[in-house]
Amino acid sequence: MAAMGLRRSQTALGAYHRRMLARVEKAKAITATAHKLARLIYTLLTKGEAYVDQGQTYYEERHQQRVVHQLQKRAAMMGYNLVPIPSAP
């Protein structure tokens, strides 16, 4: 139920849940988010740390960095080099 409540939250877990909803069916997205939440809670309890949410924008920036890095690796494996397009003034 906690995973379902994350759909509208502006947190990193909420962004993860919405990303999963876009990729897989609703039940699998809820299960994946609940699993991630359970792992997070377990880690916090075993290490005795407090949870600090990085926020939705942090999650989305990190996701974009991971996607770009993976694209660069794939392009390099095929012998290509990705060059960013300069933004318009």
N, C-alpha and C. Protein backbone atom coordinates (compact mmCIF):
# COMPACT_ATOMS: atom_id res chain seq x y z
N MET A 1 0.82 -1.18 0.00
CA MET A 1 0.00 0.00 0.00
C MET A 1 0.88 1.26 0.00
N ALA A 2 2.03 1.17 0.66
CA ALA A 2 2.92 2.32 0.67
C ALA A 2 3.46 2.60 -0.73
N ALA A 3 3.72 1.53 -1.49
CA ALA A 3 4.23 1.71 -2.85
C ALA A 3 3.18 2.38 -3.73
N MET A 4 1.91 2.04 -3.53
CA MET A 4 0.85 2.66 -4.32
C MET A 4 0.73 4.14 -3.99
N GLY A 5 1.01 4.53 -2.76
CA GLY A 5 0.91 5.92 -2.36
C GLY A 5 2.01 6.80 -2.93
N LEU A 6 3.05 6.20 -3.46
CA LEU A 6 4.16 6.97 -4.01
C LEU A 6 3.88 7.55 -5.39
N ARG A 7 2.79 7.15 -6.01
CA ARG A 7 2.52 7.57 -7.39
C ARG A 7 2.52 9.09 -7.55
N ARG A 8 1.98 9.81 -6.59
CA ARG A 8 1.89 11.27 -6.72
C ARG A 8 2.92 12.03 -5.90
N SER A 9 3.76 11.32 -5.17
CA SER A 9 4.72 12.02 -4.32
C SER A 9 5.88 12.57 -5.15
N GLN A 10 6.42 13.68 -4.71
CA GLN A 10 7.52 14.34 -5.42
C GLN A 10 8.85 13.93 -4.81
N THR A 11 9.06 12.64 -4.64
CA THR A 11 10.28 12.09 -4.05
C THR A 11 10.99 11.22 -5.08
N ALA A 12 12.18 10.80 -4.74
CA ALA A 12 12.93 9.91 -5.63
C ALA A 12 12.20 8.58 -5.79
N LEU A 13 11.61 8.07 -4.71
CA LEU A 13 10.85 6.82 -4.81
C LEU A 13 9.61 7.00 -5.67
N GLY A 14 8.98 8.16 -5.59
CA GLY A 14 7.83 8.45 -6.44
C GLY A 14 8.22 8.50 -7.91
N ALA A 15 9.35 9.12 -8.20
CA ALA A 15 9.83 9.17 -9.58
C ALA A 15 10.17 7.77 -10.09
N TYR A 16 10.77 6.94 -9.23
CA TYR A 16 11.06 5.56 -9.59
C TYR A 16 9.77 4.81 -9.90
N HIS A 17 8.77 4.98 -9.07
CA HIS A 17 7.49 4.29 -9.27
C HIS A 17 6.85 4.71 -10.60
N ARG A 18 6.84 6.00 -10.88
CA ARG A 18 6.25 6.47 -12.14
C ARG A 18 7.04 5.96 -13.35
N ARG A 19 8.36 5.88 -13.22
CA ARG A 19 9.17 5.35 -14.32
C ARG A 19 8.85 3.87 -14.55
N MET A 20 8.67 3.13 -13.45
CA MET A 20 8.31 1.72 -13.58
C MET A 20 6.92 1.55 -14.20
N LEU A 21 5.98 2.42 -13.82
CA LEU A 21 4.64 2.36 -14.39
C LEU A 21 4.67 2.56 -15.91
N ALA A 22 5.58 3.40 -16.38
CA ALA A 22 5.69 3.65 -17.81
C ALA A 22 6.27 2.45 -18.55
N ARG A 23 7.05 1.62 -17.85
CA ARG A 23 7.72 0.50 -18.49
C ARG A 23 6.97 -0.81 -18.40
N VAL A 24 6.33 -1.08 -17.24
CA VAL A 24 5.68 -2.37 -17.03
C VAL A 24 4.26 -2.16 -16.55
N GLU A 25 3.52 -3.25 -16.44
CA GLU A 25 2.13 -3.14 -15.99
C GLU A 25 2.06 -2.70 -14.53
N LYS A 26 0.88 -2.26 -14.13
CA LYS A 26 0.69 -1.64 -12.82
C LYS A 26 1.09 -2.56 -11.66
N ALA A 27 0.67 -3.80 -11.70
CA ALA A 27 0.97 -4.73 -10.59
C ALA A 27 2.47 -4.95 -10.44
N LYS A 28 3.18 -5.09 -11.55
CA LYS A 28 4.63 -5.31 -11.48
C LYS A 28 5.35 -4.06 -11.00
N ALA A 29 4.85 -2.89 -11.39
CA ALA A 29 5.47 -1.64 -10.94
C ALA A 29 5.29 -1.48 -9.43
N ILE A 30 4.12 -1.82 -8.93
CA ILE A 30 3.88 -1.73 -7.49
C ILE A 30 4.78 -2.70 -6.75
N THR A 31 4.90 -3.93 -7.27
CA THR A 31 5.75 -4.93 -6.64
C THR A 31 7.21 -4.49 -6.64
N ALA A 32 7.69 -3.95 -7.76
CA ALA A 32 9.07 -3.50 -7.84
C ALA A 32 9.33 -2.34 -6.87
N THR A 33 8.39 -1.42 -6.78
CA THR A 33 8.55 -0.29 -5.87
C THR A 33 8.50 -0.75 -4.42
N ALA A 34 7.61 -1.69 -4.11
CA ALA A 34 7.53 -2.23 -2.76
C ALA A 34 8.82 -2.96 -2.39
N HIS A 35 9.40 -3.67 -3.34
CA HIS A 35 10.66 -4.37 -3.11
C HIS A 35 11.78 -3.37 -2.84
N LYS A 36 11.83 -2.31 -3.63
CA LYS A 36 12.84 -1.27 -3.42
C LYS A 36 12.66 -0.62 -2.05
N LEU A 37 11.42 -0.35 -1.68
CA LEU A 37 11.12 0.25 -0.39
C LEU A 37 11.51 -0.69 0.76
N ALA A 38 11.25 -1.98 0.60
CA ALA A 38 11.61 -2.95 1.63
C ALA A 38 13.13 -3.03 1.80
N ARG A 39 13.86 -3.03 0.69
CA ARG A 39 15.33 -3.05 0.77
C ARG A 39 15.85 -1.79 1.45
N LEU A 40 15.24 -0.65 1.15
CA LEU A 40 15.64 0.61 1.76
C LEU A 40 15.40 0.58 3.27
N ILE A 41 14.23 0.12 3.67
CA ILE A 41 13.91 0.05 5.10
C ILE A 41 14.85 -0.91 5.81
N TYR A 42 15.12 -2.06 5.21
CA TYR A 42 16.03 -3.03 5.82
C TYR A 42 17.42 -2.42 6.01
N THR A 43 17.91 -1.73 5.00
CA THR A 43 19.23 -1.10 5.09
C THR A 43 19.25 -0.04 6.18
N LEU A 44 18.20 0.76 6.26
CA LEU A 44 18.14 1.79 7.29
C LEU A 44 18.11 1.19 8.69
N LEU A 45 17.36 0.10 8.86
CA LEU A 45 17.26 -0.53 10.17
C LEU A 45 18.56 -1.21 10.58
N THR A 46 19.23 -1.86 9.64
CA THR A 46 20.46 -2.57 9.98
C THR A 46 21.63 -1.62 10.22
N LYS A 47 21.66 -0.51 9.50
CA LYS A 47 22.76 0.45 9.68
C LYS A 47 22.44 1.53 10.70
N GLY A 48 21.17 1.65 11.07
CA GLY A 48 20.78 2.64 12.06
C GLY A 48 20.88 4.07 11.57
N GLU A 49 20.71 4.29 10.29
CA GLU A 49 20.80 5.63 9.72
C GLU A 49 19.41 6.22 9.51
N ALA A 50 19.35 7.51 9.31
CA ALA A 50 18.10 8.20 9.00
C ALA A 50 17.97 8.30 7.49
N TYR A 51 16.74 8.25 7.01
CA TYR A 51 16.48 8.34 5.57
C TYR A 51 16.51 9.80 5.15
N VAL A 52 17.26 10.09 4.10
CA VAL A 52 17.33 11.43 3.54
C VAL A 52 16.94 11.32 2.07
N ASP A 53 15.79 11.88 1.74
CA ASP A 53 15.30 11.82 0.36
C ASP A 53 16.04 12.84 -0.48
N GLN A 54 16.60 12.40 -1.58
CA GLN A 54 17.34 13.29 -2.47
C GLN A 54 16.41 14.12 -3.36
N GLY A 55 15.18 13.67 -3.52
CA GLY A 55 14.21 14.42 -4.32
C GLY A 55 14.06 13.88 -5.72
N GLN A 56 12.98 14.27 -6.33
CA GLN A 56 12.63 13.80 -7.67
C GLN A 56 13.63 14.29 -8.72
N THR A 57 14.05 15.55 -8.64
CA THR A 57 14.95 16.08 -9.66
C THR A 57 16.31 15.37 -9.60
N TYR A 58 16.80 15.07 -8.40
CA TYR A 58 18.06 14.34 -8.26
C TYR A 58 17.95 12.97 -8.92
N TYR A 59 16.85 12.26 -8.67
CA TYR A 59 16.65 10.94 -9.27
C TYR A 59 16.62 11.03 -10.79
N GLU A 60 15.89 12.00 -11.32
CA GLU A 60 15.77 12.13 -12.78
C GLU A 60 17.09 12.53 -13.42
N GLU A 61 17.88 13.39 -12.76
CA GLU A 61 19.20 13.75 -13.29
C GLU A 61 20.13 12.54 -13.31
N ARG A 62 20.14 11.76 -12.23
CA ARG A 62 20.97 10.56 -12.15
C ARG A 62 20.54 9.54 -13.21
N HIS A 63 19.23 9.42 -13.42
CA HIS A 63 18.74 8.49 -14.44
C HIS A 63 19.22 8.92 -15.82
N GLN A 64 19.14 10.21 -16.11
CA GLN A 64 19.58 10.70 -17.40
C GLN A 64 21.09 10.48 -17.58
N GLN A 65 21.87 10.69 -16.53
CA GLN A 65 23.31 10.44 -16.61
C GLN A 65 23.60 8.97 -16.91
N ARG A 66 22.85 8.07 -16.26
CA ARG A 66 23.04 6.64 -16.50
C ARG A 66 22.70 6.27 -17.93
N VAL A 67 21.61 6.84 -18.46
CA VAL A 67 21.20 6.55 -19.83
C VAL A 67 22.25 7.03 -20.82
N VAL A 68 22.74 8.24 -20.63
CA VAL A 68 23.75 8.79 -21.53
C VAL A 68 25.03 7.96 -21.46
N HIS A 69 25.44 7.57 -20.26
CA HIS A 69 26.64 6.76 -20.10
C HIS A 69 26.49 5.41 -20.83
N GLN A 70 25.34 4.77 -20.69
CA GLN A 70 25.12 3.50 -21.36
C GLN A 70 25.10 3.66 -22.88
N LEU A 71 24.52 4.75 -23.37
CA LEU A 71 24.53 5.01 -24.82
C LEU A 71 25.95 5.22 -25.32
N GLN A 72 26.77 5.95 -24.55
CA GLN A 72 28.15 6.16 -24.95
C GLN A 72 28.92 4.84 -24.99
N LYS A 73 28.68 3.97 -24.02
CA LYS A 73 29.35 2.67 -24.00
C LYS A 73 28.94 1.82 -25.21
N ARG A 74 27.63 1.82 -25.52
CA ARG A 74 27.15 1.05 -26.68
C ARG A 74 27.75 1.58 -27.97
N ALA A 75 27.78 2.91 -28.11
CA ALA A 75 28.33 3.52 -29.32
C ALA A 75 29.82 3.19 -29.45
N ALA A 76 30.55 3.23 -28.35
CA ALA A 76 31.98 2.92 -28.38
C ALA A 76 32.21 1.47 -28.77
N MET A 77 31.35 0.57 -28.30
CA MET A 77 31.49 -0.85 -28.65
C MET A 77 31.29 -1.06 -30.15
N MET A 78 30.47 -0.21 -30.78
CA MET A 78 30.21 -0.33 -32.21
C MET A 78 31.15 0.54 -33.03
N GLY A 79 32.07 1.22 -32.37
CA GLY A 79 33.05 2.02 -33.09
C GLY A 79 32.62 3.45 -33.36
N TYR A 80 31.59 3.91 -32.68
CA TYR A 80 31.10 5.27 -32.88
C TYR A 80 31.46 6.13 -31.68
N ASN A 81 31.38 7.43 -31.88
CA ASN A 81 31.62 8.40 -30.81
C ASN A 81 30.45 9.36 -30.77
N LEU A 82 29.81 9.48 -29.63
CA LEU A 82 28.67 10.40 -29.49
C LEU A 82 29.20 11.81 -29.23
N VAL A 83 28.65 12.76 -29.96
CA VAL A 83 29.02 14.16 -29.81
C VAL A 83 27.76 14.95 -29.47
N PRO A 84 27.76 15.69 -28.35
CA PRO A 84 26.55 16.45 -28.00
C PRO A 84 26.29 17.59 -28.99
N ILE A 85 25.04 17.84 -29.23
CA ILE A 85 24.64 18.93 -30.12
C ILE A 85 24.62 20.21 -29.29
N PRO A 86 25.29 21.27 -29.75
CA PRO A 86 25.27 22.54 -28.99
C PRO A 86 23.86 23.10 -28.94
N SER A 87 23.47 23.63 -27.80
CA SER A 87 22.13 24.19 -27.65
C SER A 87 22.05 25.53 -28.36
N ALA A 88 20.85 25.88 -28.79
CA ALA A 88 20.63 27.16 -29.50
C ALA A 88 20.74 28.32 -28.52
N PRO A 89 21.22 29.48 -29.00
CA PRO A 89 21.38 30.65 -28.10
C PRO A 89 20.11 31.21 -27.60
